[in-house]
Amino acid sequence: MRHAKAGRQLRRTGEQKLALMRGLAMSLIEHGAIETTEAKAKELRPFVEKLITRARSGTLHDRRHAARHVQQRAIADKLFAEIGPRFQKRNGGYTRILKIGHRKGDGAEMARIELVEG
């Protein structure tokens, strides 16, 4: 039984899921929008929003916490220099998920997750 087990498993171990979330988050920060499955997008949303909330304050402590997940220096710099200040007046809700239909190969529900306008 999965009592008190929040979040989706995505058929991965904990380490694999964390690696997936880190990669998707870096792609989203770098490009501003990505297309993935609906389940992955819904799981990615709180992960990225917590990073953006840390980027809003921009302290050294927050930068080090974000560096655990955003492991490329250029993407981390973009997060703190561009994305964090862009959402300074917004209290959450930094991302939007749009459903885009089924994937041709296996019929999986696809979605586009993107950063909203600051």
PDB file of N, CA and C in Angstrom:
ATOM      1  N   MET A   1       0.829  -1.186   0.000  1.00  0.00           N
ATOM      2  CA  MET A   1       0.000   0.000   0.000  1.00  0.00           C
ATOM      3  C   MET A   1       0.865   1.238   0.000  1.00  0.00           C
ATOM      4  N   ARG A   2       0.370   2.282  -0.643  1.00  0.00           N
ATOM      5  CA  ARG A   2       1.154   3.505  -0.773  1.00  0.00           C
ATOM      6  C   ARG A   2       0.594   4.616   0.107  1.00  0.00           C
ATOM      7  N   HIS A   3       0.299   4.333   1.344  1.00  0.00           N
ATOM      8  CA  HIS A   3      -0.206   5.364   2.236  1.00  0.00           C
ATOM      9  C   HIS A   3       0.875   6.409   2.483  1.00  0.00           C
ATOM     10  N   ALA A   4       0.492   7.660   2.432  1.00  0.00           N
ATOM     11  CA  ALA A   4       1.381   8.803   2.716  1.00  0.00           C
ATOM     12  C   ALA A   4       2.576   8.864   1.775  1.00  0.00           C
ATOM     13  N   LYS A   5       2.411   8.420   0.563  1.00  0.00           N
ATOM     14  CA  LYS A   5       3.470   8.483  -0.447  1.00  0.00           C
ATOM     15  C   LYS A   5       3.033   9.464  -1.516  1.00  0.00           C
ATOM     16  N   ALA A   6       3.422  10.705  -1.380  1.00  0.00           N
ATOM     17  CA  ALA A   6       2.984  11.743  -2.311  1.00  0.00           C
ATOM     18  C   ALA A   6       3.816  11.710  -3.584  1.00  0.00           C
ATOM     19  N   GLY A   7       3.260  12.174  -4.673  1.00  0.00           N
ATOM     20  CA  GLY A   7       3.990  12.268  -5.937  1.00  0.00           C
ATOM     21  C   GLY A   7       3.851  11.033  -6.793  1.00  0.00           C
ATOM     22  N   ARG A   8       4.258  11.164  -8.020  1.00  0.00           N
ATOM     23  CA  ARG A   8       4.177  10.060  -8.967  1.00  0.00           C
ATOM     24  C   ARG A   8       5.487   9.277  -8.975  1.00  0.00           C
ATOM     25  N   GLN A   9       5.388   7.996  -9.188  1.00  0.00           N
ATOM     26  CA  GLN A   9       6.577   7.146  -9.196  1.00  0.00           C
ATOM     27  C   GLN A   9       7.280   7.210 -10.551  1.00  0.00           C
ATOM     28  N   LEU A  10       6.519   7.341 -11.623  1.00  0.00           N
ATOM     29  CA  LEU A  10       7.042   7.407 -12.996  1.00  0.00           C
ATOM     30  C   LEU A  10       7.873   6.174 -13.362  1.00  0.00           C
ATOM     31  N   ARG A  11       7.603   5.056 -12.706  1.00  0.00           N
ATOM     32  CA  ARG A  11       8.285   3.777 -12.952  1.00  0.00           C
ATOM     33  C   ARG A  11       9.803   3.890 -12.851  1.00  0.00           C
ATOM     34  N   ARG A  12      10.256   4.652 -11.862  1.00  0.00           N
ATOM     35  CA  ARG A  12      11.682   4.864 -11.668  1.00  0.00           C
ATOM     36  C   ARG A  12      12.011   4.753 -10.182  1.00  0.00           C
ATOM     37  N   THR A  13      13.281   4.505  -9.898  1.00  0.00           N
ATOM     38  CA  THR A  13      13.727   4.557  -8.510  1.00  0.00           C
ATOM     39  C   THR A  13      13.841   6.024  -8.100  1.00  0.00           C
ATOM     40  N   GLY A  14      14.077   6.265  -6.835  1.00  0.00           N
ATOM     41  CA  GLY A  14      14.179   7.634  -6.345  1.00  0.00           C
ATOM     42  C   GLY A  14      15.313   8.401  -6.992  1.00  0.00           C
ATOM     43  N   GLU A  15      16.459   7.744  -7.166  1.00  0.00           N
ATOM     44  CA  GLU A  15      17.613   8.403  -7.774  1.00  0.00           C
ATOM     45  C   GLU A  15      17.360   8.721  -9.253  1.00  0.00           C
ATOM     46  N   GLN A  16      16.724   7.776  -9.953  1.00  0.00           N
ATOM     47  CA  GLN A  16      16.423   8.001 -11.365  1.00  0.00           C
ATOM     48  C   GLN A  16      15.425   9.136 -11.539  1.00  0.00           C
ATOM     49  N   LYS A  17      14.436   9.190 -10.661  1.00  0.00           N
ATOM     50  CA  LYS A  17      13.428  10.238 -10.742  1.00  0.00           C
ATOM     51  C   LYS A  17      14.048  11.608 -10.463  1.00  0.00           C
ATOM     52  N   LEU A  18      14.942  11.683  -9.473  1.00  0.00           N
ATOM     53  CA  LEU A  18      15.613  12.940  -9.170  1.00  0.00           C
ATOM     54  C   LEU A  18      16.472  13.398 -10.347  1.00  0.00           C
ATOM     55  N   ALA A  19      17.176  12.467 -10.984  1.00  0.00           N
ATOM     56  CA  ALA A  19      17.986  12.804 -12.154  1.00  0.00           C
ATOM     57  C   ALA A  19      17.102  13.299 -13.301  1.00  0.00           C
ATOM     58  N   LEU A  20      15.945  12.662 -13.486  1.00  0.00           N
ATOM     59  CA  LEU A  20      15.005  13.088 -14.515  1.00  0.00           C
ATOM     60  C   LEU A  20      14.504  14.503 -14.239  1.00  0.00           C
ATOM     61  N   MET A  21      14.113  14.780 -12.998  1.00  0.00           N
ATOM     62  CA  MET A  21      13.600  16.100 -12.635  1.00  0.00           C
ATOM     63  C   MET A  21      14.665  17.175 -12.812  1.00  0.00           C
ATOM     64  N   ARG A  22      15.902  16.854 -12.447  1.00  0.00           N
ATOM     65  CA  ARG A  22      16.994  17.816 -12.622  1.00  0.00           C
ATOM     66  C   ARG A  22      17.204  18.141 -14.094  1.00  0.00           C
ATOM     67  N   GLY A  23      17.199  17.111 -14.933  1.00  0.00           N
ATOM     68  CA  GLY A  23      17.390  17.330 -16.369  1.00  0.00           C
ATOM     69  C   GLY A  23      16.259  18.118 -16.993  1.00  0.00           C
ATOM     70  N   LEU A  24      15.022  17.773 -16.643  1.00  0.00           N
ATOM     71  CA  LEU A  24      13.880  18.509 -17.177  1.00  0.00           C
ATOM     72  C   LEU A  24      13.876  19.953 -16.685  1.00  0.00           C
ATOM     73  N   ALA A  25      14.238  20.163 -15.427  1.00  0.00           N
ATOM     74  CA  ALA A  25      14.273  21.512 -14.875  1.00  0.00           C
ATOM     75  C   ALA A  25      15.322  22.364 -15.587  1.00  0.00           C
ATOM     76  N   MET A  26      16.498  21.792 -15.837  1.00  0.00           N
ATOM     77  CA  MET A  26      17.537  22.550 -16.535  1.00  0.00           C
ATOM     78  C   MET A  26      17.105  22.894 -17.952  1.00  0.00           C
ATOM     79  N   SER A  27      16.419  21.967 -18.620  1.00  0.00           N
ATOM     80  CA  SER A  27      15.925  22.246 -19.968  1.00  0.00           C
ATOM     81  C   SER A  27      14.860  23.336 -19.953  1.00  0.00           C
ATOM     82  N   LEU A  28      13.988  23.292 -18.974  1.00  0.00           N
ATOM     83  CA  LEU A  28      12.937  24.301 -18.876  1.00  0.00           C
ATOM     84  C   LEU A  28      13.524  25.680 -18.600  1.00  0.00           C
ATOM     85  N   ILE A  29      14.507  25.754 -17.712  1.00  0.00           N
ATOM     86  CA  ILE A  29      15.134  27.037 -17.405  1.00  0.00           C
ATOM     87  C   ILE A  29      15.894  27.557 -18.624  1.00  0.00           C
ATOM     88  N   GLU A  30      16.563  26.674 -19.328  1.00  0.00           N
ATOM     89  CA  GLU A  30      17.367  27.080 -20.487  1.00  0.00           C
ATOM     90  C   GLU A  30      16.499  27.552 -21.650  1.00  0.00           C
ATOM     91  N   HIS A  31      15.417  26.822 -21.949  1.00  0.00           N
ATOM     92  CA  HIS A  31      14.626  27.107 -23.145  1.00  0.00           C
ATOM     93  C   HIS A  31      13.345  27.879 -22.865  1.00  0.00           C
ATOM     94  N   GLY A  32      12.871  27.882 -21.637  1.00  0.00           N
ATOM     95  CA  GLY A  32      11.641  28.595 -21.311  1.00  0.00           C
ATOM     96  C   GLY A  32      10.391  27.755 -21.468  1.00  0.00           C
ATOM     97  N   ALA A  33      10.440  26.693 -22.251  1.00  0.00           N
ATOM     98  CA  ALA A  33       9.296  25.797 -22.456  1.00  0.00           C
ATOM     99  C   ALA A  33       9.815  24.473 -23.005  1.00  0.00           C
ATOM    100  N   ILE A  34       9.188  23.370 -22.561  1.00  0.00           N
ATOM    101  CA  ILE A  34       9.543  22.051 -23.085  1.00  0.00           C
ATOM    102  C   ILE A  34       8.273  21.238 -23.263  1.00  0.00           C
ATOM    103  N   GLU A  35       8.344  20.225 -24.115  1.00  0.00           N
ATOM    104  CA  GLU A  35       7.237  19.293 -24.310  1.00  0.00           C
ATOM    105  C   GLU A  35       7.646  17.948 -23.730  1.00  0.00           C
ATOM    106  N   THR A  36       6.786  17.391 -22.894  1.00  0.00           N
ATOM    107  CA  THR A  36       7.038  16.123 -22.242  1.00  0.00           C
ATOM    108  C   THR A  36       5.694  15.462 -21.970  1.00  0.00           C
ATOM    109  N   THR A  37       5.705  14.314 -21.315  1.00  0.00           N
ATOM    110  CA  THR A  37       4.428  13.681 -20.993  1.00  0.00           C
ATOM    111  C   THR A  37       3.724  14.488 -19.905  1.00  0.00           C
ATOM    112  N   GLU A  38       2.434  14.325 -19.838  1.00  0.00           N
ATOM    113  CA  GLU A  38       1.634  15.089 -18.884  1.00  0.00           C
ATOM    114  C   GLU A  38       2.025  14.765 -17.437  1.00  0.00           C
ATOM    115  N   ALA A  39       2.278  13.497 -17.148  1.00  0.00           N
ATOM    116  CA  ALA A  39       2.654  13.097 -15.790  1.00  0.00           C
ATOM    117  C   ALA A  39       3.984  13.713 -15.382  1.00  0.00           C
ATOM    118  N   LYS A  40       4.951  13.718 -16.293  1.00  0.00           N
ATOM    119  CA  LYS A  40       6.248  14.323 -15.989  1.00  0.00           C
ATOM    120  C   LYS A  40       6.119  15.829 -15.801  1.00  0.00           C
ATOM    121  N   ALA A  41       5.290  16.467 -16.607  1.00  0.00           N
ATOM    122  CA  ALA A  41       5.087  17.906 -16.475  1.00  0.00           C
ATOM    123  C   ALA A  41       4.453  18.255 -15.136  1.00  0.00           C
ATOM    124  N   LYS A  42       3.464  17.465 -14.710  1.00  0.00           N
ATOM    125  CA  LYS A  42       2.804  17.722 -13.435  1.00  0.00           C
ATOM    126  C   LYS A  42       3.747  17.478 -12.257  1.00  0.00           C
ATOM    127  N   GLU A  43       4.674  16.552 -12.411  1.00  0.00           N
ATOM    128  CA  GLU A  43       5.643  16.289 -11.352  1.00  0.00           C
ATOM    129  C   GLU A  43       6.760  17.338 -11.361  1.00  0.00           C
ATOM    130  N   LEU A  44       7.056  17.889 -12.525  1.00  0.00           N
ATOM    131  CA  LEU A  44       8.120  18.885 -12.657  1.00  0.00           C
ATOM    132  C   LEU A  44       7.716  20.239 -12.098  1.00  0.00           C
ATOM    133  N   ARG A  45       6.433  20.581 -12.180  1.00  0.00           N
ATOM    134  CA  ARG A  45       5.965  21.914 -11.782  1.00  0.00           C
ATOM    135  C   ARG A  45       6.404  22.319 -10.370  1.00  0.00           C
ATOM    136  N   PRO A  46       6.114  21.540  -9.311  1.00  0.00           N
ATOM    137  CA  PRO A  46       6.548  21.994  -7.983  1.00  0.00           C
ATOM    138  C   PRO A  46       8.069  22.014  -7.817  1.00  0.00           C
ATOM    139  N   PHE A  47       8.762  21.129  -8.530  1.00  0.00           N
ATOM    140  CA  PHE A  47      10.224  21.081  -8.464  1.00  0.00           C
ATOM    141  C   PHE A  47      10.821  22.390  -8.970  1.00  0.00           C
ATOM    142  N   VAL A  48      10.326  22.864 -10.125  1.00  0.00           N
ATOM    143  CA  VAL A  48      10.850  24.088 -10.729  1.00  0.00           C
ATOM    144  C   VAL A  48      10.397  25.323  -9.957  1.00  0.00           C
ATOM    145  N   GLU A  49       9.173  25.306  -9.474  1.00  0.00           N
ATOM    146  CA  GLU A  49       8.665  26.481  -8.765  1.00  0.00           C
ATOM    147  C   GLU A  49       9.437  26.723  -7.478  1.00  0.00           C
ATOM    148  N   LYS A  50       9.883  25.674  -6.821  1.00  0.00           N
ATOM    149  CA  LYS A  50      10.708  25.854  -5.626  1.00  0.00           C
ATOM    150  C   LYS A  50      12.062  26.458  -5.991  1.00  0.00           C
ATOM    151  N   LEU A  51      12.622  26.057  -7.124  1.00  0.00           N
ATOM    152  CA  LEU A  51      13.893  26.645  -7.564  1.00  0.00           C
ATOM    153  C   LEU A  51      13.722  28.130  -7.879  1.00  0.00           C
ATOM    154  N   ILE A  52      12.643  28.490  -8.549  1.00  0.00           N
ATOM    155  CA  ILE A  52      12.412  29.888  -8.902  1.00  0.00           C
ATOM    156  C   ILE A  52      12.173  30.724  -7.652  1.00  0.00           C
ATOM    157  N   THR A  53      11.475  30.175  -6.672  1.00  0.00           N
ATOM    158  CA  THR A  53      11.261  30.901  -5.421  1.00  0.00           C
ATOM    159  C   THR A  53      12.586  31.186  -4.737  1.00  0.00           C
ATOM    160  N   ARG A  54      13.499  30.233  -4.761  1.00  0.00           N
ATOM    161  CA  ARG A  54      14.835  30.477  -4.202  1.00  0.00           C
ATOM    162  C   ARG A  54      15.586  31.517  -5.018  1.00  0.00           C
ATOM    163  N   ALA A  55      15.394  31.522  -6.330  1.00  0.00           N
ATOM    164  CA  ALA A  55      16.097  32.479  -7.192  1.00  0.00           C
ATOM    165  C   ALA A  55      15.586  33.890  -6.987  1.00  0.00           C
ATOM    166  N   ARG A  56      14.373  34.050  -6.474  1.00  0.00           N
ATOM    167  CA  ARG A  56      13.829  35.389  -6.243  1.00  0.00           C
ATOM    168  C   ARG A  56      14.633  36.148  -5.200  1.00  0.00           C
ATOM    169  N   SER A  57      15.058  35.460  -4.134  1.00  0.00           N
ATOM    170  CA  SER A  57      15.838  36.155  -3.109  1.00  0.00           C
ATOM    171  C   SER A  57      17.302  36.276  -3.529  1.00  0.00           C
ATOM    172  N   GLY A  58      17.856  35.211  -4.079  1.00  0.00           N
ATOM    173  CA  GLY A  58      19.200  35.275  -4.648  1.00  0.00           C
ATOM    174  C   GLY A  58      20.330  35.310  -3.638  1.00  0.00           C
ATOM    175  N   THR A  59      20.121  34.872  -2.410  1.00  0.00           N
ATOM    176  CA  THR A  59      21.210  34.848  -1.440  1.00  0.00           C
ATOM    177  C   THR A  59      22.178  33.714  -1.765  1.00  0.00           C
ATOM    178  N   LEU A  60      23.327  33.755  -1.143  1.00  0.00           N
ATOM    179  CA  LEU A  60      24.322  32.717  -1.365  1.00  0.00           C
ATOM    180  C   LEU A  60      23.783  31.350  -0.933  1.00  0.00           C
ATOM    181  N   HIS A  61      23.066  31.324   0.177  1.00  0.00           N
ATOM    182  CA  HIS A  61      22.480  30.077   0.665  1.00  0.00           C
ATOM    183  C   HIS A  61      21.501  29.502  -0.360  1.00  0.00           C
ATOM    184  N   ASP A  62      20.653  30.353  -0.925  1.00  0.00           N
ATOM    185  CA  ASP A  62      19.697  29.898  -1.935  1.00  0.00           C
ATOM    186  C   ASP A  62      20.407  29.450  -3.206  1.00  0.00           C
ATOM    187  N   ARG A  63      21.465  30.137  -3.569  1.00  0.00           N
ATOM    188  CA  ARG A  63      22.234  29.758  -4.760  1.00  0.00           C
ATOM    189  C   ARG A  63      22.855  28.374  -4.583  1.00  0.00           C
ATOM    190  N   ARG A  64      23.334  28.093  -3.377  1.00  0.00           N
ATOM    191  CA  ARG A  64      23.935  26.785  -3.120  1.00  0.00           C
ATOM    192  C   ARG A  64      22.886  25.684  -3.097  1.00  0.00           C
ATOM    193  N   HIS A  65      21.701  25.989  -2.568  1.00  0.00           N
ATOM    194  CA  HIS A  65      20.620  25.007  -2.597  1.00  0.00           C
ATOM    195  C   HIS A  65      20.201  24.709  -4.031  1.00  0.00           C
ATOM    196  N   ALA A  66      20.089  25.733  -4.852  1.00  0.00           N
ATOM    197  CA  ALA A  66      19.691  25.538  -6.244  1.00  0.00           C
ATOM    198  C   ALA A  66      20.780  24.803  -7.030  1.00  0.00           C
ATOM    199  N   ALA A  67      22.040  25.020  -6.667  1.00  0.00           N
ATOM    200  CA  ALA A  67      23.146  24.376  -7.374  1.00  0.00           C
ATOM    201  C   ALA A  67      23.134  22.863  -7.189  1.00  0.00           C
ATOM    202  N   ARG A  68      22.438  22.366  -6.171  1.00  0.00           N
ATOM    203  CA  ARG A  68      22.303  20.922  -6.001  1.00  0.00           C
ATOM    204  C   ARG A  68      21.508  20.315  -7.145  1.00  0.00           C
ATOM    205  N   HIS A  69      20.579  21.076  -7.699  1.00  0.00           N
ATOM    206  CA  HIS A  69      19.713  20.556  -8.749  1.00  0.00           C
ATOM    207  C   HIS A  69      20.063  21.100 -10.128  1.00  0.00           C
ATOM    208  N   VAL A  70      20.498  22.342 -10.205  1.00  0.00           N
ATOM    209  CA  VAL A  70      20.893  22.941 -11.484  1.00  0.00           C
ATOM    210  C   VAL A  70      22.417  22.909 -11.520  1.00  0.00           C
ATOM    211  N   GLN A  71      22.956  21.894 -12.156  1.00  0.00           N
ATOM    212  CA  GLN A  71      24.379  21.628 -12.033  1.00  0.00           C
ATOM    213  C   GLN A  71      25.222  22.206 -13.160  1.00  0.00           C
ATOM    214  N   GLN A  72      24.610  22.968 -14.038  1.00  0.00           N
ATOM    215  CA  GLN A  72      25.367  23.668 -15.069  1.00  0.00           C
ATOM    216  C   GLN A  72      25.419  25.142 -14.704  1.00  0.00           C
ATOM    217  N   ARG A  73      26.606  25.695 -14.653  1.00  0.00           N
ATOM    218  CA  ARG A  73      26.805  27.055 -14.159  1.00  0.00           C
ATOM    219  C   ARG A  73      26.049  28.088 -14.991  1.00  0.00           C
ATOM    220  N   ALA A  74      26.048  27.940 -16.299  1.00  0.00           N
ATOM    221  CA  ALA A  74      25.374  28.922 -17.158  1.00  0.00           C
ATOM    222  C   ALA A  74      23.865  28.937 -16.914  1.00  0.00           C
ATOM    223  N   ILE A  75      23.281  27.770 -16.707  1.00  0.00           N
ATOM    224  CA  ILE A  75      21.837  27.690 -16.462  1.00  0.00           C
ATOM    225  C   ILE A  75      21.509  28.233 -15.078  1.00  0.00           C
ATOM    226  N   ALA A  76      22.364  27.957 -14.087  1.00  0.00           N
ATOM    227  CA  ALA A  76      22.154  28.496 -12.743  1.00  0.00           C
ATOM    228  C   ALA A  76      22.255  30.019 -12.752  1.00  0.00           C
ATOM    229  N   ASP A  77      23.202  30.547 -13.512  1.00  0.00           N
ATOM    230  CA  ASP A  77      23.337  32.004 -13.624  1.00  0.00           C
ATOM    231  C   ASP A  77      22.105  32.616 -14.282  1.00  0.00           C
ATOM    232  N   LYS A  78      21.565  31.948 -15.297  1.00  0.00           N
ATOM    233  CA  LYS A  78      20.344  32.441 -15.947  1.00  0.00           C
ATOM    234  C   LYS A  78      19.177  32.421 -14.974  1.00  0.00           C
ATOM    235  N   LEU A  79      19.090  31.377 -14.155  1.00  0.00           N
ATOM    236  CA  LEU A  79      18.012  31.271 -13.168  1.00  0.00           C
ATOM    237  C   LEU A  79      18.048  32.449 -12.198  1.00  0.00           C
ATOM    238  N   PHE A  80      19.228  32.794 -11.709  1.00  0.00           N
ATOM    239  CA  PHE A  80      19.329  33.853 -10.708  1.00  0.00           C
ATOM    240  C   PHE A  80      19.406  35.247 -11.315  1.00  0.00           C
ATOM    241  N   ALA A  81      19.922  35.379 -12.523  1.00  0.00           N
ATOM    242  CA  ALA A  81      20.075  36.709 -13.124  1.00  0.00           C
ATOM    243  C   ALA A  81      18.836  37.155 -13.897  1.00  0.00           C
ATOM    244  N   GLU A  82      18.142  36.229 -14.557  1.00  0.00           N
ATOM    245  CA  GLU A  82      17.010  36.607 -15.408  1.00  0.00           C
ATOM    246  C   GLU A  82      15.665  36.156 -14.841  1.00  0.00           C
ATOM    247  N   ILE A  83      15.546  34.886 -14.523  1.00  0.00           N
ATOM    248  CA  ILE A  83      14.239  34.318 -14.163  1.00  0.00           C
ATOM    249  C   ILE A  83      13.799  34.757 -12.763  1.00  0.00           C
ATOM    250  N   GLY A  84      14.706  34.737 -11.796  1.00  0.00           N
ATOM    251  CA  GLY A  84      14.362  35.152 -10.442  1.00  0.00           C
ATOM    252  C   GLY A  84      13.842  36.584 -10.366  1.00  0.00           C
ATOM    253  N   PRO A  85      14.578  37.553 -10.907  1.00  0.00           N
ATOM    254  CA  PRO A  85      14.086  38.941 -10.881  1.00  0.00           C
ATOM    255  C   PRO A  85      12.807  39.157 -11.692  1.00  0.00           C
ATOM    256  N   ARG A  86      12.605  38.344 -12.716  1.00  0.00           N
ATOM    257  CA  ARG A  86      11.407  38.474 -13.546  1.00  0.00           C
ATOM    258  C   ARG A  86      10.128  38.192 -12.758  1.00  0.00           C
ATOM    259  N   PHE A  87      10.211  37.295 -11.785  1.00  0.00           N
ATOM    260  CA  PHE A  87       9.046  36.913 -10.991  1.00  0.00           C
ATOM    261  C   PHE A  87       9.072  37.536  -9.598  1.00  0.00           C
ATOM    262  N   GLN A  88       9.751  38.651  -9.432  1.00  0.00           N
ATOM    263  CA  GLN A  88       9.908  39.270  -8.126  1.00  0.00           C
ATOM    264  C   GLN A  88       8.566  39.651  -7.492  1.00  0.00           C
ATOM    265  N   LYS A  89       7.621  40.120  -8.283  1.00  0.00           N
ATOM    266  CA  LYS A  89       6.338  40.561  -7.744  1.00  0.00           C
ATOM    267  C   LYS A  89       5.272  39.474  -7.770  1.00  0.00           C
ATOM    268  N   ARG A  90       5.618  38.291  -8.215  1.00  0.00           N
ATOM    269  CA  ARG A  90       4.638  37.214  -8.338  1.00  0.00           C
ATOM    270  C   ARG A  90       4.833  36.206  -7.210  1.00  0.00           C
ATOM    271  N   ASN A  91       3.751  35.853  -6.525  1.00  0.00           N
ATOM    272  CA  ASN A  91       3.828  34.899  -5.419  1.00  0.00           C
ATOM    273  C   ASN A  91       3.404  33.518  -5.880  1.00  0.00           C
ATOM    274  N   GLY A  92       4.277  32.823  -6.579  1.00  0.00           N
ATOM    275  CA  GLY A  92       3.977  31.475  -7.045  1.00  0.00           C
ATOM    276  C   GLY A  92       3.283  31.479  -8.397  1.00  0.00           C
ATOM    277  N   GLY A  93       3.047  30.293  -8.920  1.00  0.00           N
ATOM    278  CA  GLY A  93       2.394  30.161 -10.222  1.00  0.00           C
ATOM    279  C   GLY A  93       3.280  30.617 -11.357  1.00  0.00           C
ATOM    280  N   TYR A  94       4.537  30.179 -11.361  1.00  0.00           N
ATOM    281  CA  TYR A  94       5.496  30.621 -12.372  1.00  0.00           C
ATOM    282  C   TYR A  94       5.418  29.802 -13.654  1.00  0.00           C
ATOM    283  N   THR A  95       4.738  28.661 -13.620  1.00  0.00           N
ATOM    284  CA  THR A  95       4.683  27.786 -14.788  1.00  0.00           C
ATOM    285  C   THR A  95       3.248  27.549 -15.222  1.00  0.00           C
ATOM    286  N   ARG A  96       3.101  27.138 -16.461  1.00  0.00           N
ATOM    287  CA  ARG A  96       1.796  26.820 -17.038  1.00  0.00           C
ATOM    288  C   ARG A  96       1.944  25.495 -17.780  1.00  0.00           C
ATOM    289  N   ILE A  97       0.938  24.623 -17.637  1.00  0.00           N
ATOM    290  CA  ILE A  97       0.937  23.329 -18.336  1.00  0.00           C
ATOM    291  C   ILE A  97      -0.210  23.343 -19.339  1.00  0.00           C
ATOM    292  N   LEU A  98       0.117  23.117 -20.599  1.00  0.00           N
ATOM    293  CA  LEU A  98      -0.875  23.064 -21.672  1.00  0.00           C
ATOM    294  C   LEU A  98      -0.880  21.657 -22.268  1.00  0.00           C
ATOM    295  N   LYS A  99      -2.038  21.034 -22.343  1.00  0.00           N
ATOM    296  CA  LYS A  99      -2.141  19.703 -22.937  1.00  0.00           C
ATOM    297  C   LYS A  99      -2.094  19.844 -24.456  1.00  0.00           C
ATOM    298  N   ILE A 100      -1.324  18.966 -25.103  1.00  0.00           N
ATOM    299  CA  ILE A 100      -1.167  19.079 -26.556  1.00  0.00           C
ATOM    300  C   ILE A 100      -1.575  17.817 -27.300  1.00  0.00           C
ATOM    301  N   GLY A 101      -2.220  16.880 -26.651  1.00  0.00           N
ATOM    302  CA  GLY A 101      -2.709  15.691 -27.342  1.00  0.00           C
ATOM    303  C   GLY A 101      -1.888  14.460 -27.047  1.00  0.00           C
ATOM    304  N   HIS A 102      -2.040  13.471 -27.925  1.00  0.00           N
ATOM    305  CA  HIS A 102      -1.399  12.175 -27.739  1.00  0.00           C
ATOM    306  C   HIS A 102      -0.135  12.072 -28.581  1.00  0.00           C
ATOM    307  N   ARG A 103       0.852  11.344 -28.049  1.00  0.00           N
ATOM    308  CA  ARG A 103       2.074  11.061 -28.795  1.00  0.00           C
ATOM    309  C   ARG A 103       1.769   9.971 -29.809  1.00  0.00           C
ATOM    310  N   LYS A 104       2.313  10.110 -30.988  1.00  0.00           N
ATOM    311  CA  LYS A 104       1.990   9.190 -32.068  1.00  0.00           C
ATOM    312  C   LYS A 104       2.453   7.761 -31.787  1.00  0.00           C
ATOM    313  N   GLY A 105       3.637   7.581 -31.214  1.00  0.00           N
ATOM    314  CA  GLY A 105       4.188   6.239 -31.038  1.00  0.00           C
ATOM    315  C   GLY A 105       3.434   5.364 -30.069  1.00  0.00           C
ATOM    316  N   ASP A 106       3.168   5.872 -28.870  1.00  0.00           N
ATOM    317  CA  ASP A 106       2.540   5.035 -27.843  1.00  0.00           C
ATOM    318  C   ASP A 106       1.239   5.608 -27.295  1.00  0.00           C
ATOM    319  N   GLY A 107       0.811   6.750 -27.774  1.00  0.00           N
ATOM    320  CA  GLY A 107      -0.455   7.319 -27.348  1.00  0.00           C
ATOM    321  C   GLY A 107      -0.409   8.009 -25.994  1.00  0.00           C
ATOM    322  N   ALA A 108       0.797   8.289 -25.497  1.00  0.00           N
ATOM    323  CA  ALA A 108       0.911   8.949 -24.193  1.00  0.00           C
ATOM    324  C   ALA A 108       0.398  10.387 -24.282  1.00  0.00           C
ATOM    325  N   GLU A 109      -0.249  10.844 -23.207  1.00  0.00           N
ATOM    326  CA  GLU A 109      -0.724  12.227 -23.148  1.00  0.00           C
ATOM    327  C   GLU A 109       0.485  13.154 -23.065  1.00  0.00           C
ATOM    328  N   MET A 110       0.579  14.096 -23.996  1.00  0.00           N
ATOM    329  CA  MET A 110       1.694  15.027 -24.032  1.00  0.00           C
ATOM    330  C   MET A 110       1.235  16.389 -23.510  1.00  0.00           C
ATOM    331  N   ALA A 111       2.202  17.125 -22.970  1.00  0.00           N
ATOM    332  CA  ALA A 111       1.902  18.452 -22.432  1.00  0.00           C
ATOM    333  C   ALA A 111       3.102  19.354 -22.670  1.00  0.00           C
ATOM    334  N   ARG A 112       2.828  20.633 -22.720  1.00  0.00           N
ATOM    335  CA  ARG A 112       3.876  21.650 -22.856  1.00  0.00           C
ATOM    336  C   ARG A 112       3.906  22.423 -21.539  1.00  0.00           C
ATOM    337  N   ILE A 113       5.049  22.438 -20.875  1.00  0.00           N
ATOM    338  CA  ILE A 113       5.201  23.207 -19.653  1.00  0.00           C
ATOM    339  C   ILE A 113       6.085  24.399 -19.989  1.00  0.00           C
ATOM    340  N   GLU A 114       5.634  25.577 -19.589  1.00  0.00           N
ATOM    341  CA  GLU A 114       6.355  26.798 -19.941  1.00  0.00           C
ATOM    342  C   GLU A 114       6.306  27.776 -18.780  1.00  0.00           C
ATOM    343  N   LEU A 115       7.267  28.686 -18.783  1.00  0.00           N
ATOM    344  CA  LEU A 115       7.294  29.748 -17.789  1.00  0.00           C
ATOM    345  C   LEU A 115       6.328  30.836 -18.236  1.00  0.00           C
ATOM    346  N   VAL A 116       5.518  31.341 -17.308  1.00  0.00           N
ATOM    347  CA  VAL A 116       4.582  32.403 -17.654  1.00  0.00           C
ATOM    348  C   VAL A 116       5.325  33.726 -17.759  1.00  0.00           C
ATOM    349  N   GLU A 117       4.669  34.719 -18.316  1.00  0.00           N
ATOM    350  CA  GLU A 117       5.278  36.038 -18.423  1.00  0.00           C
ATOM    351  C   GLU A 117       5.329  36.676 -17.046  1.00  0.00           C
ATOM    352  N   GLY A 118       6.473  37.275 -16.725  1.00  0.00           N
ATOM    353  CA  GLY A 118       6.666  37.880 -15.410  1.00  0.00           C
ATOM    354  C   GLY A 118       5.773  39.022 -15.222  1.00  0.00           C
TER     355      GLY A 118
END
